[in-house]
Amino acid sequence: MNSYSKSWKLLIQSRGRSFIFSTSTPVPVAAAAHAAVRVAKHETWRRKAIWNRVKDFQLLTGIPVTSHIISLIVGSEDKALQASRHLLQAGFHVTAIRPPTVPPNSCR
């Protein structure tokens, strides 16, 4: 490899990460996450509102939860996809978590 092609390779690797690595975080997503953290730090009422919803969920379902991220195991892939579609029709974008992310028959 000559020095000219090596220079190009280094340039692409250092400046074109989202082109080379399709799983890298795009800059706008990182900026949005940073802005969200700043808002959460300064507007504490938002965090309190989330925790109030978590407590309401626990009271309504009887499911003990300790996080605002709640994983409900529904079993098969079909059930998880059906639940996801039902929730989307109700206005909630909740994706089904299926194998290989979770073991078979433990879809969420």
N, C-alpha and C. Protein backbone atom coordinates (compact mmCIF):
# COMPACT_ATOMS: atom_id res chain seq x y z
N MET A 1 0.86 -1.17 0.00
CA MET A 1 0.00 0.00 0.00
C MET A 1 0.91 1.23 0.00
N ASN A 2 0.70 2.12 -0.96
CA ASN A 2 1.53 3.32 -0.98
C ASN A 2 1.02 4.34 0.02
N SER A 3 1.80 5.37 0.30
CA SER A 3 1.45 6.36 1.32
C SER A 3 0.22 7.16 0.92
N TYR A 4 -0.01 7.34 -0.40
CA TYR A 4 -1.17 8.08 -0.85
C TYR A 4 -2.46 7.33 -0.48
N SER A 5 -2.55 6.05 -0.77
CA SER A 5 -3.76 5.29 -0.42
C SER A 5 -3.87 5.10 1.09
N LYS A 6 -2.78 5.03 1.79
CA LYS A 6 -2.81 4.92 3.24
C LYS A 6 -3.39 6.20 3.85
N SER A 7 -3.02 7.35 3.31
CA SER A 7 -3.56 8.62 3.79
C SER A 7 -5.06 8.69 3.59
N TRP A 8 -5.53 8.24 2.43
CA TRP A 8 -6.97 8.22 2.16
C TRP A 8 -7.69 7.28 3.11
N LYS A 9 -7.11 6.13 3.35
CA LYS A 9 -7.72 5.16 4.27
C LYS A 9 -7.86 5.76 5.67
N LEU A 10 -6.81 6.42 6.15
CA LEU A 10 -6.86 7.04 7.47
C LEU A 10 -7.90 8.16 7.52
N LEU A 11 -7.99 8.94 6.44
CA LEU A 11 -8.98 10.01 6.39
C LEU A 11 -10.40 9.45 6.46
N ILE A 12 -10.66 8.42 5.67
CA ILE A 12 -12.01 7.82 5.66
C ILE A 12 -12.32 7.19 7.02
N GLN A 13 -11.35 6.53 7.62
CA GLN A 13 -11.59 5.91 8.92
C GLN A 13 -11.87 6.94 10.01
N SER A 14 -11.20 8.09 9.96
CA SER A 14 -11.38 9.06 11.02
C SER A 14 -12.55 10.00 10.78
N ARG A 15 -12.94 10.21 9.53
CA ARG A 15 -14.00 11.17 9.23
C ARG A 15 -15.28 10.54 8.71
N GLY A 16 -15.23 9.30 8.30
CA GLY A 16 -16.40 8.67 7.70
C GLY A 16 -16.94 7.51 8.50
N ARG A 17 -16.92 7.63 9.82
CA ARG A 17 -17.32 6.51 10.67
C ARG A 17 -18.74 6.02 10.37
N SER A 18 -19.69 6.94 10.16
CA SER A 18 -21.06 6.48 9.92
C SER A 18 -21.18 5.82 8.55
N PHE A 19 -20.25 6.10 7.65
CA PHE A 19 -20.25 5.44 6.36
C PHE A 19 -19.67 4.04 6.48
N ILE A 20 -18.60 3.91 7.24
CA ILE A 20 -17.93 2.62 7.39
C ILE A 20 -18.65 1.71 8.37
N PHE A 21 -19.04 2.26 9.52
CA PHE A 21 -19.67 1.47 10.56
C PHE A 21 -21.15 1.83 10.61
N SER A 22 -21.98 0.97 10.08
CA SER A 22 -23.41 1.30 9.99
C SER A 22 -24.08 1.35 11.37
N THR A 23 -23.43 0.81 12.39
CA THR A 23 -24.04 0.85 13.72
C THR A 23 -23.56 2.04 14.55
N SER A 24 -22.72 2.88 13.98
CA SER A 24 -22.26 4.04 14.74
C SER A 24 -23.41 5.04 14.90
N THR A 25 -23.32 5.85 15.94
CA THR A 25 -24.35 6.83 16.22
C THR A 25 -24.14 8.06 15.34
N PRO A 26 -25.15 8.44 14.55
CA PRO A 26 -25.01 9.65 13.75
C PRO A 26 -24.91 10.88 14.64
N VAL A 27 -24.22 11.89 14.17
CA VAL A 27 -23.99 13.11 14.96
C VAL A 27 -25.31 13.74 15.43
N PRO A 28 -26.36 13.86 14.59
CA PRO A 28 -27.60 14.45 15.09
C PRO A 28 -28.22 13.68 16.25
N VAL A 29 -28.08 12.36 16.27
CA VAL A 29 -28.63 11.56 17.36
C VAL A 29 -27.84 11.83 18.64
N ALA A 30 -26.53 11.91 18.53
CA ALA A 30 -25.70 12.23 19.70
C ALA A 30 -26.04 13.62 20.23
N ALA A 31 -26.23 14.58 19.32
CA ALA A 31 -26.57 15.94 19.75
C ALA A 31 -27.93 15.97 20.43
N ALA A 32 -28.89 15.21 19.91
CA ALA A 32 -30.22 15.16 20.53
C ALA A 32 -30.15 14.53 21.92
N ALA A 33 -29.36 13.48 22.06
CA ALA A 33 -29.20 12.83 23.37
C ALA A 33 -28.56 13.79 24.36
N HIS A 34 -27.56 14.53 23.90
CA HIS A 34 -26.91 15.51 24.77
C HIS A 34 -27.90 16.58 25.21
N ALA A 35 -28.71 17.06 24.29
CA ALA A 35 -29.72 18.08 24.62
C ALA A 35 -30.73 17.52 25.61
N ALA A 36 -31.12 16.26 25.44
CA ALA A 36 -32.09 15.64 26.34
C ALA A 36 -31.53 15.53 27.76
N VAL A 37 -30.25 15.21 27.88
CA VAL A 37 -29.63 15.12 29.20
C VAL A 37 -29.61 16.50 29.86
N ARG A 38 -29.31 17.52 29.08
CA ARG A 38 -29.30 18.89 29.64
C ARG A 38 -30.69 19.29 30.12
N VAL A 39 -31.72 18.97 29.34
CA VAL A 39 -33.09 19.28 29.74
C VAL A 39 -33.45 18.52 31.01
N ALA A 40 -33.11 17.23 31.05
CA ALA A 40 -33.43 16.42 32.22
C ALA A 40 -32.74 16.93 33.49
N LYS A 41 -31.53 17.45 33.33
CA LYS A 41 -30.81 18.00 34.49
C LYS A 41 -31.50 19.24 35.04
N HIS A 42 -31.99 20.09 34.15
CA HIS A 42 -32.53 21.38 34.57
C HIS A 42 -34.03 21.37 34.84
N GLU A 43 -34.74 20.43 34.24
CA GLU A 43 -36.20 20.38 34.41
C GLU A 43 -36.55 19.11 35.18
N THR A 44 -36.29 19.15 36.49
CA THR A 44 -36.46 17.96 37.32
C THR A 44 -37.91 17.48 37.36
N TRP A 45 -38.86 18.34 37.07
CA TRP A 45 -40.26 17.93 37.08
C TRP A 45 -40.51 16.83 36.06
N ARG A 46 -39.71 16.81 34.98
CA ARG A 46 -39.89 15.76 33.96
C ARG A 46 -39.54 14.38 34.53
N ARG A 47 -38.44 14.32 35.30
CA ARG A 47 -38.05 13.04 35.90
C ARG A 47 -39.09 12.59 36.92
N LYS A 48 -39.60 13.53 37.70
CA LYS A 48 -40.63 13.20 38.69
C LYS A 48 -41.90 12.68 38.00
N ALA A 49 -42.26 13.29 36.89
CA ALA A 49 -43.46 12.85 36.16
C ALA A 49 -43.31 11.42 35.64
N ILE A 50 -42.11 11.08 35.17
CA ILE A 50 -41.88 9.71 34.70
C ILE A 50 -42.02 8.73 35.85
N TRP A 51 -41.42 9.06 37.00
CA TRP A 51 -41.50 8.14 38.14
C TRP A 51 -42.92 8.01 38.66
N ASN A 52 -43.71 9.08 38.55
CA ASN A 52 -45.12 8.97 38.93
C ASN A 52 -45.85 8.00 38.01
N ARG A 53 -45.51 8.02 36.74
CA ARG A 53 -46.13 7.06 35.80
C ARG A 53 -45.69 5.64 36.09
N VAL A 54 -44.43 5.46 36.48
CA VAL A 54 -43.94 4.13 36.85
C VAL A 54 -44.71 3.61 38.06
N LYS A 55 -44.91 4.48 39.04
CA LYS A 55 -45.68 4.08 40.24
C LYS A 55 -47.12 3.75 39.88
N ASP A 56 -47.72 4.55 38.99
CA ASP A 56 -49.09 4.27 38.54
C ASP A 56 -49.16 2.90 37.86
N PHE A 57 -48.19 2.61 37.02
CA PHE A 57 -48.14 1.31 36.33
C PHE A 57 -48.08 0.19 37.35
N GLN A 58 -47.24 0.35 38.35
CA GLN A 58 -47.10 -0.69 39.37
C GLN A 58 -48.41 -0.88 40.13
N LEU A 59 -49.07 0.20 40.47
CA LEU A 59 -50.35 0.10 41.19
C LEU A 59 -51.43 -0.56 40.33
N LEU A 60 -51.46 -0.22 39.05
CA LEU A 60 -52.49 -0.76 38.15
C LEU A 60 -52.28 -2.24 37.82
N THR A 61 -51.01 -2.64 37.71
CA THR A 61 -50.72 -4.01 37.26
C THR A 61 -50.30 -4.94 38.38
N GLY A 62 -49.80 -4.39 39.47
CA GLY A 62 -49.27 -5.23 40.53
C GLY A 62 -47.89 -5.79 40.21
N ILE A 63 -47.32 -5.36 39.09
CA ILE A 63 -45.99 -5.82 38.69
C ILE A 63 -44.96 -4.94 39.38
N PRO A 64 -44.08 -5.53 40.18
CA PRO A 64 -43.06 -4.72 40.85
C PRO A 64 -42.03 -4.23 39.83
N VAL A 65 -41.89 -2.93 39.70
CA VAL A 65 -40.93 -2.36 38.76
C VAL A 65 -40.00 -1.41 39.50
N THR A 66 -38.75 -1.36 39.04
CA THR A 66 -37.77 -0.50 39.68
C THR A 66 -37.12 0.44 38.66
N SER A 67 -37.68 0.48 37.47
CA SER A 67 -37.12 1.31 36.40
C SER A 67 -38.24 1.81 35.51
N HIS A 68 -37.97 2.87 34.79
CA HIS A 68 -38.95 3.37 33.83
C HIS A 68 -38.92 2.53 32.54
N ILE A 69 -37.94 1.65 32.41
CA ILE A 69 -37.89 0.70 31.30
C ILE A 69 -38.48 -0.60 31.82
N ILE A 70 -39.61 -0.99 31.27
CA ILE A 70 -40.34 -2.14 31.77
C ILE A 70 -40.38 -3.22 30.69
N SER A 71 -39.83 -4.37 30.99
CA SER A 71 -39.77 -5.47 30.04
C SER A 71 -40.80 -6.52 30.43
N LEU A 72 -41.80 -6.69 29.58
CA LEU A 72 -42.83 -7.69 29.84
C LEU A 72 -42.64 -8.88 28.91
N ILE A 73 -42.41 -10.04 29.47
CA ILE A 73 -42.21 -11.24 28.66
C ILE A 73 -43.57 -11.77 28.24
N VAL A 74 -43.76 -11.89 26.93
CA VAL A 74 -45.05 -12.39 26.41
C VAL A 74 -44.91 -13.77 25.79
N GLY A 75 -43.69 -14.25 25.58
CA GLY A 75 -43.49 -15.61 25.08
C GLY A 75 -43.05 -15.66 23.63
N SER A 76 -43.95 -16.12 22.76
CA SER A 76 -43.59 -16.38 21.36
C SER A 76 -43.39 -15.09 20.57
N GLU A 77 -42.73 -15.25 19.42
CA GLU A 77 -42.54 -14.11 18.52
C GLU A 77 -43.88 -13.58 18.04
N ASP A 78 -44.79 -14.50 17.71
CA ASP A 78 -46.11 -14.07 17.24
C ASP A 78 -46.83 -13.20 18.27
N LYS A 79 -46.79 -13.62 19.53
CA LYS A 79 -47.44 -12.84 20.59
C LYS A 79 -46.78 -11.48 20.75
N ALA A 80 -45.45 -11.44 20.67
CA ALA A 80 -44.73 -10.18 20.82
C ALA A 80 -45.06 -9.23 19.67
N LEU A 81 -45.11 -9.75 18.46
CA LEU A 81 -45.44 -8.91 17.31
C LEU A 81 -46.89 -8.44 17.37
N GLN A 82 -47.78 -9.31 17.81
CA GLN A 82 -49.19 -8.94 17.95
C GLN A 82 -49.34 -7.83 19.01
N ALA A 83 -48.65 -7.97 20.13
CA ALA A 83 -48.71 -6.95 21.18
C ALA A 83 -48.14 -5.63 20.67
N SER A 84 -47.05 -5.69 19.92
CA SER A 84 -46.45 -4.49 19.38
C SER A 84 -47.40 -3.77 18.42
N ARG A 85 -48.07 -4.54 17.54
CA ARG A 85 -49.05 -3.94 16.61
C ARG A 85 -50.22 -3.33 17.37
N HIS A 86 -50.71 -4.04 18.37
CA HIS A 86 -51.84 -3.55 19.17
C HIS A 86 -51.47 -2.23 19.86
N LEU A 87 -50.29 -2.19 20.46
CA LEU A 87 -49.85 -0.97 21.14
C LEU A 87 -49.66 0.18 20.16
N LEU A 88 -49.15 -0.12 18.96
CA LEU A 88 -48.98 0.93 17.96
C LEU A 88 -50.34 1.52 17.55
N GLN A 89 -51.34 0.65 17.39
CA GLN A 89 -52.69 1.13 17.06
C GLN A 89 -53.26 2.00 18.18
N ALA A 90 -52.81 1.75 19.41
CA ALA A 90 -53.27 2.53 20.56
C ALA A 90 -52.43 3.80 20.76
N GLY A 91 -51.42 3.99 19.89
CA GLY A 91 -50.62 5.21 19.96
C GLY A 91 -49.29 5.08 20.66
N PHE A 92 -48.86 3.85 20.94
CA PHE A 92 -47.59 3.63 21.62
C PHE A 92 -46.64 2.87 20.71
N HIS A 93 -45.48 3.44 20.44
CA HIS A 93 -44.50 2.76 19.60
C HIS A 93 -43.63 1.89 20.49
N VAL A 94 -43.98 0.61 20.57
CA VAL A 94 -43.27 -0.35 21.41
C VAL A 94 -42.84 -1.50 20.51
N THR A 95 -41.55 -1.63 20.31
CA THR A 95 -41.07 -2.68 19.42
C THR A 95 -40.97 -4.02 20.13
N ALA A 96 -41.21 -5.07 19.39
CA ALA A 96 -41.09 -6.43 19.93
C ALA A 96 -39.60 -6.78 20.01
N ILE A 97 -39.20 -7.37 21.10
CA ILE A 97 -37.82 -7.83 21.27
C ILE A 97 -37.84 -9.35 21.09
N ARG A 98 -37.12 -9.81 20.05
CA ARG A 98 -37.19 -11.22 19.66
C ARG A 98 -35.79 -11.81 19.54
N PRO A 99 -35.71 -13.14 19.39
CA PRO A 99 -34.40 -13.77 19.16
C PRO A 99 -33.75 -13.17 17.91
N PRO A 100 -32.47 -13.00 17.90
CA PRO A 100 -31.49 -13.55 18.83
C PRO A 100 -31.20 -12.64 20.02
N THR A 101 -31.92 -11.51 20.13
CA THR A 101 -31.68 -10.59 21.24
C THR A 101 -32.05 -11.23 22.57
N VAL A 102 -33.11 -12.03 22.57
CA VAL A 102 -33.55 -12.75 23.77
C VAL A 102 -33.69 -14.23 23.41
N PRO A 103 -33.67 -15.12 24.40
CA PRO A 103 -33.83 -16.55 24.09
C PRO A 103 -35.21 -16.83 23.48
N PRO A 104 -35.33 -17.92 22.70
CA PRO A 104 -36.62 -18.30 22.12
C PRO A 104 -37.69 -18.42 23.20
N ASN A 105 -38.91 -18.04 22.85
CA ASN A 105 -40.08 -18.09 23.73
C ASN A 105 -39.97 -17.22 24.98
N SER A 106 -39.10 -16.21 24.92
CA SER A 106 -39.02 -15.23 26.00
C SER A 106 -39.08 -13.82 25.40
N CYS A 107 -39.84 -13.72 24.30
CA CYS A 107 -39.95 -12.43 23.60
C CYS A 107 -40.64 -11.41 24.47
N ARG A 108 -40.29 -10.20 24.26
CA ARG A 108 -40.84 -9.08 25.04
C ARG A 108 -41.53 -8.12 24.11
